Protein backbone atom coordinates (compact mmCIF):
# COMPACT_ATOMS: atom_id res chain seq x y z
CA MET A 1 60.68 103.76 71.51
CA LEU A 2 59.16 103.01 74.91
CA GLN A 3 60.52 106.25 76.34
CA GLU A 4 58.81 108.22 73.57
CA LEU A 5 55.61 106.25 74.15
CA GLY A 6 55.81 107.23 77.82
CA LYS A 7 55.91 110.90 76.85
CA GLN A 8 52.94 110.59 74.51
CA ASN A 9 50.84 108.08 76.44
CA PRO A 10 52.07 107.43 80.00
CA GLN A 11 49.05 105.27 80.83
CA LEU A 12 49.79 102.90 77.96
CA LEU A 13 53.46 102.67 78.98
CA ARG A 14 52.40 101.82 82.56
CA LEU A 15 50.13 99.05 81.23
CA ILE A 16 53.00 97.66 79.16
CA GLN A 17 55.29 97.75 82.19
CA ASP A 18 52.68 96.13 84.44
CA HIS A 19 52.08 93.34 81.91
CA HIS A 20 55.53 93.05 80.32
CA ALA A 21 55.44 89.28 79.70
CA GLU A 22 52.01 89.42 78.07
CA PHE A 23 53.06 92.41 75.97
CA LEU A 24 56.15 90.60 74.67
CA GLN A 25 54.08 87.51 73.91
CA LEU A 26 51.55 89.60 72.02
CA ILE A 27 54.07 91.45 69.87
CA ASN A 28 55.94 88.24 69.11
CA GLU A 29 52.90 86.25 68.02
CA PRO A 30 52.93 85.40 64.33
CA HIS A 31 50.45 87.41 62.32
CA GLU A 32 48.56 86.20 59.29
CA GLY A 33 50.92 86.24 56.35
CA SER A 34 54.01 86.57 58.53
CA GLU A 35 56.69 83.98 59.02
CA GLY A 36 56.58 83.86 62.81
CA ASP A 37 58.60 85.30 65.63
CA ILE A 38 61.55 87.36 64.41
CA PHE A 39 63.65 85.94 67.26
CA ASP A 40 63.20 82.42 65.87
CA GLN A 41 64.75 83.38 62.53
CA PRO A 42 68.37 82.58 61.70
CA GLU A 43 70.76 85.52 62.07
CA GLN A 44 71.26 85.87 58.33
CA ASP A 45 67.50 86.48 57.96
CA MET A 46 67.44 89.25 60.55
CA PRO A 47 66.48 92.63 59.07
CA HIS A 48 69.43 94.53 60.55
CA ALA A 49 72.09 94.50 63.20
CA ILE A 50 72.52 96.95 66.05
CA ASN A 51 75.93 98.58 66.27
CA VAL A 52 77.25 99.71 69.62
CA THR A 53 80.35 101.64 70.55
CA PRO A 54 82.95 100.10 72.86
CA ALA A 55 81.61 102.28 75.70
CA GLU A 56 78.06 101.08 75.03
CA GLN A 57 79.27 97.47 74.97
CA GLU A 58 80.84 98.02 78.39
CA ALA A 59 77.57 99.49 79.66
CA ILE A 60 75.68 96.44 78.36
CA GLU A 61 78.16 94.15 80.09
CA ARG A 62 77.75 96.04 83.37
CA LEU A 63 73.97 95.69 83.12
CA GLU A 64 74.37 91.97 82.41
CA ALA A 65 76.59 91.68 85.48
CA MET A 66 73.57 92.78 87.51
CA GLY A 67 72.07 89.37 86.71
CA PHE A 68 69.84 90.13 83.74
CA GLU A 69 69.77 88.15 80.48
CA ARG A 70 71.66 89.71 77.58
CA ALA A 71 68.62 90.01 75.31
CA LEU A 72 66.65 91.76 78.04
CA VAL A 73 69.56 94.10 78.80
CA ILE A 74 69.92 95.05 75.14
CA GLU A 75 66.18 95.63 74.80
CA ALA A 76 66.14 97.89 77.88
CA PHE A 77 69.35 99.68 76.86
CA LEU A 78 68.00 100.52 73.40
CA ALA A 79 64.52 101.40 74.70
CA CYS A 80 66.17 103.86 77.11
CA ASP A 81 68.04 105.58 74.27
CA ARG A 82 71.31 103.86 75.20
CA ASN A 83 71.29 105.47 78.65
CA GLU A 84 72.86 103.01 81.10
CA GLN A 85 71.35 104.60 84.22
CA LEU A 86 67.83 104.66 82.77
CA ALA A 87 68.20 101.07 81.59
CA ALA A 88 69.41 99.97 85.04
CA ASN A 89 66.48 101.71 86.70
CA TYR A 90 64.04 100.13 84.26
CA LEU A 91 65.49 96.65 84.75
CA LEU A 92 65.51 96.95 88.55
CA GLU A 93 62.01 98.43 88.77
CA ASN A 94 60.56 95.70 86.56
CA ALA A 95 62.73 92.75 87.62
CA GLY A 96 59.73 90.74 88.85
CA ASP A 97 58.04 91.04 85.47
CA PHE A 98 60.98 89.42 83.68
CA GLU A 99 61.06 86.18 85.67
CA ASP A 100 59.43 83.16 84.05
């Protein structure tokens, strides 16, 4: 999704990357009529699961071994169309934005 956004609106993608924490906070804020942050919902209430192949699971584990949190690794991996190298580059280039 973010990769496609970068093709269509590179300036917006750069803003999102420069303000990653604020962006995540904004998209996770509860909206009127919603039931809150999707990540706070029990697993059984989640809308769908993401399936990965054994090779993709290994790629995710290698990215985690670089010191990044699993949720962040999965987000980057999926946003980069399951491309391990792109996800690694994204995580490394934006590492400072992910720290609390």
